[in-house]
Amino acid sequence: MEEEKNNFSPEKFSRVRNTKRLELNFCSTCVVNAVGLLAASFTVSDISFSNVFSFAALLCVIWLLNWILRPFLVLFTLPFVIITMGFGMIFINAAVIYLSAGIVPGIHIGSYWNALWASLLVSAAMWVNVYFRSEAMIRSAASGGENSKPGEDSK
């Protein structure tokens, strides 16, 4: 009986790690989207949010549409994305932002061009986020990884 309780299962550990990664990805994506959308609302008068709850709902809908709809949009527009060397993804992001603004009440984005501007700012915020996260990973790997203590030399 005791051996069954203390039995380590790699499958359970893998599920926990994947769930935690999904939660962290959701949080970081929502924060980056929030920064980009707030920057867009400050720079363009045609983008407005009626309250904090509708803004939070917009972030969740954008995340959900990016999770469900975006892979299909990328698949159908793959030649365009390849020809534009990835710049076409900004147009897909703008479509997702514009569509999600139409779904969530209390959000006003005047035109697709405003959504394109918001998409550019969200993409810029995402690039900055990825840059700093990759720098942190490189520093962590250079210092000996996660298990090394600060000030301890890795061998």
N, C-alpha and C. Protein backbone atom coordinates (compact mmCIF):
# COMPACT_ATOMS: atom_id res chain seq x y z
N MET A 1 0.80 -1.19 0.00
CA MET A 1 0.00 0.00 0.00
C MET A 1 0.85 1.26 0.00
N GLU A 2 1.90 1.28 0.83
CA GLU A 2 2.76 2.46 0.92
C GLU A 2 3.46 2.73 -0.40
N GLU A 3 3.83 1.67 -1.10
CA GLU A 3 4.54 1.86 -2.37
C GLU A 3 3.63 2.49 -3.42
N GLU A 4 2.34 2.21 -3.40
CA GLU A 4 1.41 2.79 -4.35
C GLU A 4 1.25 4.28 -4.14
N LYS A 5 1.28 4.75 -2.90
CA LYS A 5 1.12 6.17 -2.61
C LYS A 5 2.34 6.97 -3.05
N ASN A 6 3.53 6.40 -2.89
CA ASN A 6 4.76 7.11 -3.21
C ASN A 6 5.25 6.86 -4.63
N ASN A 7 4.45 6.21 -5.43
CA ASN A 7 4.85 5.88 -6.79
C ASN A 7 4.85 7.15 -7.64
N PHE A 8 6.00 7.45 -8.27
CA PHE A 8 6.13 8.63 -9.12
C PHE A 8 5.68 8.28 -10.54
N SER A 9 4.82 9.07 -11.10
CA SER A 9 4.33 8.84 -12.45
C SER A 9 4.75 9.99 -13.35
N PRO A 10 5.59 9.73 -14.37
CA PRO A 10 6.02 10.81 -15.27
C PRO A 10 4.85 11.44 -16.03
N GLU A 11 3.79 10.67 -16.28
CA GLU A 11 2.65 11.22 -17.01
C GLU A 11 1.96 12.31 -16.19
N LYS A 12 1.83 12.09 -14.87
CA LYS A 12 1.20 13.10 -14.02
C LYS A 12 2.06 14.36 -13.98
N PHE A 13 3.37 14.19 -13.87
CA PHE A 13 4.27 15.34 -13.83
C PHE A 13 4.21 16.12 -15.14
N SER A 14 4.12 15.41 -16.26
CA SER A 14 4.05 16.06 -17.56
C SER A 14 2.77 16.88 -17.70
N ARG A 15 1.66 16.35 -17.24
CA ARG A 15 0.40 17.08 -17.31
C ARG A 15 0.44 18.34 -16.45
N VAL A 16 1.05 18.25 -15.29
CA VAL A 16 1.15 19.42 -14.42
C VAL A 16 2.01 20.49 -15.08
N ARG A 17 3.14 20.07 -15.67
CA ARG A 17 4.02 21.03 -16.34
C ARG A 17 3.31 21.70 -17.51
N ASN A 18 2.58 20.93 -18.31
CA ASN A 18 1.88 21.50 -19.46
C ASN A 18 0.78 22.45 -19.02
N THR A 19 0.07 22.12 -17.96
CA THR A 19 -0.98 22.99 -17.46
C THR A 19 -0.38 24.30 -16.95
N LYS A 20 0.71 24.21 -16.22
CA LYS A 20 1.35 25.42 -15.71
C LYS A 20 1.87 26.27 -16.86
N ARG A 21 2.42 25.64 -17.90
CA ARG A 21 2.91 26.38 -19.06
C ARG A 21 1.76 27.08 -19.77
N LEU A 22 0.60 26.42 -19.88
CA LEU A 22 -0.56 27.03 -20.51
C LEU A 22 -1.05 28.24 -19.72
N GLU A 23 -1.07 28.11 -18.38
CA GLU A 23 -1.49 29.23 -17.55
C GLU A 23 -0.53 30.40 -17.68
N LEU A 24 0.77 30.13 -17.66
CA LEU A 24 1.75 31.20 -17.80
C LEU A 24 1.68 31.83 -19.18
N ASN A 25 1.45 31.02 -20.20
CA ASN A 25 1.32 31.55 -21.55
C ASN A 25 0.09 32.44 -21.65
N PHE A 26 -1.00 32.04 -21.04
CA PHE A 26 -2.21 32.86 -21.04
C PHE A 26 -1.95 34.20 -20.37
N CYS A 27 -1.32 34.17 -19.20
CA CYS A 27 -1.06 35.41 -18.46
C CYS A 27 -0.12 36.33 -19.22
N SER A 28 0.98 35.79 -19.72
CA SER A 28 1.95 36.65 -20.42
C SER A 28 1.36 37.20 -21.71
N THR A 29 0.58 36.39 -22.42
CA THR A 29 -0.04 36.86 -23.65
C THR A 29 -1.05 37.96 -23.36
N CYS A 30 -1.84 37.80 -22.31
CA CYS A 30 -2.82 38.83 -21.96
C CYS A 30 -2.15 40.13 -21.53
N VAL A 31 -1.04 40.03 -20.80
CA VAL A 31 -0.34 41.24 -20.36
C VAL A 31 0.25 41.97 -21.56
N VAL A 32 0.86 41.23 -22.47
CA VAL A 32 1.45 41.86 -23.66
C VAL A 32 0.37 42.46 -24.54
N ASN A 33 -0.74 41.75 -24.72
CA ASN A 33 -1.85 42.30 -25.49
C ASN A 33 -2.42 43.55 -24.83
N ALA A 34 -2.50 43.54 -23.51
CA ALA A 34 -3.01 44.71 -22.79
C ALA A 34 -2.10 45.92 -23.00
N VAL A 35 -0.79 45.70 -22.94
CA VAL A 35 0.14 46.81 -23.15
C VAL A 35 -0.01 47.38 -24.56
N GLY A 36 -0.07 46.51 -25.55
CA GLY A 36 -0.21 46.97 -26.93
C GLY A 36 -1.53 47.67 -27.20
N LEU A 37 -2.61 47.12 -26.67
CA LEU A 37 -3.93 47.72 -26.89
C LEU A 37 -4.07 49.05 -26.14
N LEU A 38 -3.51 49.14 -24.95
CA LEU A 38 -3.55 50.42 -24.23
C LEU A 38 -2.72 51.48 -24.95
N ALA A 39 -1.57 51.08 -25.48
CA ALA A 39 -0.76 52.02 -26.26
C ALA A 39 -1.51 52.48 -27.49
N ALA A 40 -2.23 51.55 -28.14
CA ALA A 40 -3.02 51.92 -29.31
C ALA A 40 -4.16 52.86 -28.94
N SER A 41 -4.80 52.63 -27.79
CA SER A 41 -5.91 53.50 -27.40
C SER A 41 -5.42 54.90 -27.03
N PHE A 42 -4.18 55.00 -26.53
CA PHE A 42 -3.64 56.32 -26.21
C PHE A 42 -3.19 57.07 -27.45
N THR A 43 -2.82 56.36 -28.52
CA THR A 43 -2.32 57.03 -29.72
C THR A 43 -3.39 57.29 -30.76
N VAL A 44 -4.49 56.55 -30.73
CA VAL A 44 -5.57 56.71 -31.71
C VAL A 44 -6.86 57.00 -30.96
N SER A 45 -7.56 58.02 -31.36
CA SER A 45 -8.79 58.39 -30.66
C SER A 45 -9.96 57.48 -31.01
N ASP A 46 -9.83 56.70 -32.07
CA ASP A 46 -10.93 55.84 -32.52
C ASP A 46 -10.92 54.46 -31.86
N ILE A 47 -10.03 54.24 -30.91
CA ILE A 47 -10.00 52.99 -30.14
C ILE A 47 -10.33 53.35 -28.70
N SER A 48 -11.42 52.77 -28.19
CA SER A 48 -11.82 53.10 -26.82
C SER A 48 -12.41 51.88 -26.13
N PHE A 49 -12.29 51.89 -24.83
CA PHE A 49 -12.81 50.82 -23.97
C PHE A 49 -13.72 51.47 -22.95
N SER A 50 -14.93 50.92 -22.79
CA SER A 50 -15.89 51.57 -21.89
C SER A 50 -15.55 51.35 -20.42
N ASN A 51 -15.03 50.17 -20.08
CA ASN A 51 -14.66 49.90 -18.69
C ASN A 51 -13.61 48.80 -18.63
N VAL A 52 -13.14 48.53 -17.44
CA VAL A 52 -12.07 47.55 -17.25
C VAL A 52 -12.56 46.14 -17.55
N PHE A 53 -13.79 45.85 -17.25
CA PHE A 53 -14.32 44.50 -17.46
C PHE A 53 -14.44 44.18 -18.95
N SER A 54 -14.86 45.14 -19.74
CA SER A 54 -14.93 44.89 -21.18
C SER A 54 -13.53 44.75 -21.77
N PHE A 55 -12.57 45.49 -21.21
CA PHE A 55 -11.19 45.36 -21.67
C PHE A 55 -10.63 43.98 -21.32
N ALA A 56 -10.92 43.49 -20.12
CA ALA A 56 -10.50 42.15 -19.72
C ALA A 56 -11.18 41.08 -20.58
N ALA A 57 -12.44 41.30 -20.89
CA ALA A 57 -13.15 40.36 -21.76
C ALA A 57 -12.54 40.37 -23.16
N LEU A 58 -12.15 41.56 -23.63
CA LEU A 58 -11.50 41.67 -24.94
C LEU A 58 -10.20 40.87 -24.96
N LEU A 59 -9.42 40.98 -23.90
CA LEU A 59 -8.17 40.23 -23.84
C LEU A 59 -8.41 38.73 -23.87
N CYS A 60 -9.41 38.28 -23.14
CA CYS A 60 -9.73 36.84 -23.13
C CYS A 60 -10.24 36.37 -24.49
N VAL A 61 -11.06 37.18 -25.14
CA VAL A 61 -11.58 36.80 -26.46
C VAL A 61 -10.46 36.78 -27.49
N ILE A 62 -9.55 37.75 -27.42
CA ILE A 62 -8.40 37.75 -28.34
C ILE A 62 -7.57 36.50 -28.12
N TRP A 63 -7.32 36.14 -26.86
CA TRP A 63 -6.54 34.94 -26.59
C TRP A 63 -7.25 33.69 -27.12
N LEU A 64 -8.56 33.63 -26.91
CA LEU A 64 -9.33 32.47 -27.36
C LEU A 64 -9.35 32.39 -28.89
N LEU A 65 -9.55 33.52 -29.56
CA LEU A 65 -9.55 33.51 -31.03
C LEU A 65 -8.16 33.20 -31.58
N ASN A 66 -7.11 33.67 -30.91
CA ASN A 66 -5.76 33.31 -31.33
C ASN A 66 -5.51 31.83 -31.17
N TRP A 67 -6.13 31.24 -30.19
CA TRP A 67 -5.96 29.82 -29.92
C TRP A 67 -6.76 28.96 -30.89
N ILE A 68 -7.96 29.41 -31.26
CA ILE A 68 -8.86 28.60 -32.09
C ILE A 68 -8.82 29.01 -33.57
N LEU A 69 -9.00 30.28 -33.85
CA LEU A 69 -9.18 30.75 -35.22
C LEU A 69 -7.88 31.03 -35.95
N ARG A 70 -6.88 31.53 -35.24
CA ARG A 70 -5.65 31.95 -35.89
C ARG A 70 -4.93 30.85 -36.66
N PRO A 71 -4.85 29.60 -36.16
CA PRO A 71 -4.19 28.56 -36.97
C PRO A 71 -4.84 28.36 -38.34
N PHE A 72 -6.17 28.45 -38.40
CA PHE A 72 -6.85 28.30 -39.68
C PHE A 72 -6.57 29.49 -40.60
N LEU A 73 -6.56 30.68 -40.03
CA LEU A 73 -6.25 31.86 -40.83
C LEU A 73 -4.83 31.80 -41.38
N VAL A 74 -3.90 31.35 -40.56
CA VAL A 74 -2.51 31.22 -41.02
C VAL A 74 -2.43 30.17 -42.11
N LEU A 75 -3.13 29.07 -41.95
CA LEU A 75 -3.10 28.01 -42.96
C LEU A 75 -3.64 28.49 -44.30
N PHE A 76 -4.77 29.21 -44.27
CA PHE A 76 -5.37 29.66 -45.52
C PHE A 76 -4.60 30.80 -46.18
N THR A 77 -3.87 31.57 -45.39
CA THR A 77 -3.11 32.69 -45.95
C THR A 77 -1.61 32.41 -45.99
N LEU A 78 -1.23 31.15 -45.91
CA LEU A 78 0.18 30.78 -45.85
C LEU A 78 1.01 31.31 -47.02
N PRO A 79 0.53 31.24 -48.27
CA PRO A 79 1.34 31.82 -49.35
C PRO A 79 1.60 33.31 -49.17
N PHE A 80 0.59 34.05 -48.71
CA PHE A 80 0.75 35.49 -48.47
C PHE A 80 1.76 35.75 -47.35
N VAL A 81 1.68 34.95 -46.30
CA VAL A 81 2.60 35.10 -45.17
C VAL A 81 4.03 34.78 -45.61
N ILE A 82 4.19 33.77 -46.43
CA ILE A 82 5.53 33.40 -46.92
C ILE A 82 6.07 34.49 -47.84
N ILE A 83 5.25 34.99 -48.75
CA ILE A 83 5.71 36.02 -49.70
C ILE A 83 6.10 37.29 -48.96
N THR A 84 5.35 37.65 -47.92
CA THR A 84 5.66 38.87 -47.17
C THR A 84 6.69 38.62 -46.06
N MET A 85 7.25 37.43 -46.02
CA MET A 85 8.26 37.04 -45.03
C MET A 85 7.78 37.25 -43.60
N GLY A 86 6.55 36.88 -43.33
CA GLY A 86 5.99 36.94 -41.99
C GLY A 86 5.25 38.22 -41.66
N PHE A 87 5.42 39.27 -42.46
CA PHE A 87 4.75 40.53 -42.18
C PHE A 87 3.23 40.39 -42.31
N GLY A 88 2.78 39.43 -43.07
CA GLY A 88 1.35 39.19 -43.23
C GLY A 88 0.66 38.76 -41.94
N MET A 89 1.44 38.29 -40.97
CA MET A 89 0.86 37.90 -39.69
C MET A 89 0.25 39.11 -38.97
N ILE A 90 0.78 40.29 -39.23
CA ILE A 90 0.23 41.49 -38.60
C ILE A 90 -1.19 41.74 -39.10
N PHE A 91 -1.46 41.43 -40.37
CA PHE A 91 -2.81 41.57 -40.92
C PHE A 91 -3.76 40.55 -40.30
N ILE A 92 -3.25 39.35 -40.05
CA ILE A 92 -4.06 38.32 -39.38
C ILE A 92 -4.36 38.74 -37.95
N ASN A 93 -3.36 39.27 -37.26
CA ASN A 93 -3.59 39.75 -35.90
C ASN A 93 -4.60 40.89 -35.88
N ALA A 94 -4.53 41.78 -36.87
CA ALA A 94 -5.49 42.88 -36.96
C ALA A 94 -6.90 42.35 -37.17
N ALA A 95 -7.03 41.32 -37.98
CA ALA A 95 -8.35 40.73 -38.21
C ALA A 95 -8.90 40.12 -36.92
N VAL A 96 -8.04 39.47 -36.15
CA VAL A 96 -8.47 38.88 -34.88
C VAL A 96 -8.88 39.98 -33.89
N ILE A 97 -8.10 41.05 -33.82
CA ILE A 97 -8.43 42.16 -32.92
C ILE A 97 -9.75 42.81 -33.34
N TYR A 98 -9.92 43.04 -34.64
CA TYR A 98 -11.14 43.69 -35.13
C TYR A 98 -12.36 42.80 -34.90
N LEU A 99 -12.21 41.51 -35.12
CA LEU A 99 -13.31 40.57 -34.90
C LEU A 99 -13.67 40.49 -33.42
N SER A 100 -12.66 40.42 -32.56
CA SER A 100 -12.94 40.33 -31.12
C SER A 100 -13.55 41.62 -30.58
N ALA A 101 -13.19 42.76 -31.16
CA ALA A 101 -13.82 44.02 -30.74
C ALA A 101 -15.29 44.05 -31.14
N GLY A 102 -15.63 43.37 -32.23
CA GLY A 102 -17.03 43.28 -32.62
C GLY A 102 -17.83 42.34 -31.74
N ILE A 103 -17.16 41.37 -31.14
CA ILE A 103 -17.84 40.40 -30.29
C ILE A 103 -18.10 40.97 -28.89
N VAL A 104 -17.11 41.68 -28.34
CA VAL A 104 -17.20 42.15 -26.95
C VAL A 104 -17.92 43.50 -26.91
N PRO A 105 -19.00 43.60 -26.14
CA PRO A 105 -19.67 44.91 -26.02
C PRO A 105 -18.84 45.87 -25.18
N GLY A 106 -18.92 47.15 -25.51
CA GLY A 106 -18.20 48.16 -24.76
C GLY A 106 -16.83 48.49 -25.34
N ILE A 107 -16.48 47.85 -26.45
CA ILE A 107 -15.20 48.10 -27.11
C ILE A 107 -15.49 48.76 -28.44
N HIS A 108 -14.77 49.83 -28.74
CA HIS A 108 -14.96 50.51 -30.01
C HIS A 108 -13.61 50.63 -30.72
N ILE A 109 -13.53 49.98 -31.88
CA ILE A 109 -12.40 50.15 -32.79
C ILE A 109 -13.01 50.63 -34.09
N GLY A 110 -12.69 51.86 -34.49
CA GLY A 110 -13.37 52.53 -35.58
C GLY A 110 -13.28 51.84 -36.92
N SER A 111 -12.12 51.34 -37.28
CA SER A 111 -11.95 50.72 -38.59
C SER A 111 -10.88 49.64 -38.53
N TYR A 112 -10.77 48.94 -39.64
CA TYR A 112 -9.74 47.91 -39.72
C TYR A 112 -8.36 48.52 -39.62
N TRP A 113 -8.17 49.75 -40.11
CA TRP A 113 -6.86 50.40 -40.07
C TRP A 113 -6.45 50.71 -38.63
N ASN A 114 -7.42 51.04 -37.80
CA ASN A 114 -7.12 51.21 -36.38
C ASN A 114 -6.73 49.88 -35.74
N ALA A 115 -7.41 48.82 -36.14
CA ALA A 115 -7.05 47.49 -35.65
C ALA A 115 -5.65 47.10 -36.15
N LEU A 116 -5.31 47.52 -37.37
CA LEU A 116 -3.97 47.24 -37.89
C LEU A 116 -2.91 47.98 -37.07
N TRP A 117 -3.19 49.23 -36.69
CA TRP A 117 -2.26 49.98 -35.84
C TRP A 117 -2.12 49.29 -34.48
N ALA A 118 -3.25 48.85 -33.91
CA ALA A 118 -3.19 48.13 -32.64
C ALA A 118 -2.40 46.84 -32.79
N SER A 119 -2.57 46.17 -33.92
CA SER A 119 -1.83 44.94 -34.17
C SER A 119 -0.32 45.20 -34.26
N LEU A 120 0.06 46.30 -34.89
CA LEU A 120 1.48 46.66 -34.95
C LEU A 120 2.04 46.90 -33.55
N LEU A 121 1.29 47.60 -32.71
CA LEU A 121 1.77 47.88 -31.35
C LEU A 121 1.80 46.62 -30.49
N VAL A 122 0.80 45.75 -30.65
CA VAL A 122 0.80 44.48 -29.92
C VAL A 122 1.99 43.63 -30.37
N SER A 123 2.25 43.60 -31.68
CA SER A 123 3.39 42.83 -32.18
C SER A 123 4.71 43.39 -31.67
N ALA A 124 4.83 44.70 -31.60
CA ALA A 124 6.05 45.32 -31.07
C ALA A 124 6.23 44.97 -29.59
N ALA A 125 5.14 44.99 -28.84
CA ALA A 125 5.22 44.61 -27.43
C ALA A 125 5.59 43.14 -27.29
N MET A 126 5.08 42.30 -28.17
CA MET A 126 5.41 40.88 -28.13
C MET A 126 6.89 40.65 -28.48
N TRP A 127 7.39 41.40 -29.46
CA TRP A 127 8.81 41.27 -29.82
C TRP A 127 9.70 41.66 -28.66
N VAL A 128 9.35 42.73 -27.95
CA VAL A 128 10.13 43.15 -26.79
C VAL A 128 10.07 42.08 -25.70
N ASN A 129 8.89 41.52 -25.47
CA ASN A 129 8.73 40.47 -24.47
C ASN A 129 9.58 39.25 -24.82
N VAL A 130 9.53 38.83 -26.06
CA VAL A 130 10.31 37.66 -26.49
C VAL A 130 11.80 37.94 -26.37
N TYR A 131 12.22 39.16 -26.70
CA TYR A 131 13.63 39.51 -26.62
C TYR A 131 14.14 39.40 -25.18
N PHE A 132 13.39 39.97 -24.24
CA PHE A 132 13.86 39.92 -22.86
C PHE A 132 13.75 38.52 -22.27
N ARG A 133 12.75 37.75 -22.67
CA ARG A 133 12.67 36.37 -22.19
C ARG A 133 13.80 35.53 -22.74
N SER A 134 14.17 35.74 -24.01
CA SER A 134 15.27 34.96 -24.58
C SER A 134 16.60 35.37 -23.97
N GLU A 135 16.77 36.67 -23.66
CA GLU A 135 17.98 37.12 -22.98
C GLU A 135 18.09 36.47 -21.61
N ALA A 136 16.98 36.37 -20.89
CA ALA A 136 17.00 35.74 -19.57
C ALA A 136 17.34 34.26 -19.69
N MET A 137 16.83 33.60 -20.72
CA MET A 137 17.14 32.19 -20.91
C MET A 137 18.61 32.00 -21.26
N ILE A 138 19.17 32.90 -22.07
CA ILE A 138 20.58 32.80 -22.43
C ILE A 138 21.45 33.02 -21.20
N ARG A 139 21.10 34.01 -20.38
CA ARG A 139 21.87 34.26 -19.15
C ARG A 139 21.77 33.09 -18.19
N SER A 140 20.59 32.49 -18.09
CA SER A 140 20.41 31.34 -17.22
C SER A 140 21.24 30.16 -17.70
N ALA A 141 21.26 29.93 -19.01
CA ALA A 141 22.04 28.82 -19.55
C ALA A 141 23.54 29.08 -19.40
N ALA A 142 23.96 30.32 -19.54
CA ALA A 142 25.38 30.65 -19.42
C ALA A 142 25.85 30.55 -17.97
N SER A 143 24.95 30.79 -17.03
CA SER A 143 25.35 30.73 -15.63
C SER A 143 25.25 29.33 -15.05
N GLY A 144 24.84 28.38 -15.83
CA GLY A 144 24.82 27.00 -15.34
C GLY A 144 23.43 26.41 -15.23
N GLY A 145 22.44 27.10 -15.68
CA GLY A 145 21.10 26.54 -15.69
C GLY A 145 20.29 26.89 -14.47
N GLU A 146 19.16 26.22 -14.33
CA GLU A 146 18.21 26.53 -13.27
C GLU A 146 18.68 26.04 -11.90
N ASN A 147 19.43 24.95 -11.87
CA ASN A 147 19.75 24.33 -10.60
C ASN A 147 20.95 24.97 -9.90
N SER A 148 21.68 25.82 -10.59
CA SER A 148 22.84 26.43 -9.95
C SER A 148 22.40 27.61 -9.09
N LYS A 149 23.13 27.79 -7.99
CA LYS A 149 22.83 28.89 -7.07
C LYS A 149 23.61 30.12 -7.48
N PRO A 150 23.09 31.31 -7.19
CA PRO A 150 23.84 32.52 -7.52
C PRO A 150 25.19 32.54 -6.79
N GLY A 151 26.23 32.90 -7.49
CA GLY A 151 27.56 32.97 -6.93
C GLY A 151 28.30 31.66 -6.93
N GLU A 152 27.66 30.59 -7.37
CA GLU A 152 28.29 29.28 -7.42
C GLU A 152 28.76 29.02 -8.84
N ASP A 153 30.00 28.62 -9.02
CA ASP A 153 30.54 28.34 -10.35
C ASP A 153 30.04 27.00 -10.83
N SER A 154 29.62 26.96 -12.09
CA SER A 154 29.19 25.69 -12.68
C SER A 154 30.40 24.99 -13.24
N LYS A 155 30.44 23.68 -13.10
CA LYS A 155 31.60 22.89 -13.55
C LYS A 155 31.22 21.97 -14.67
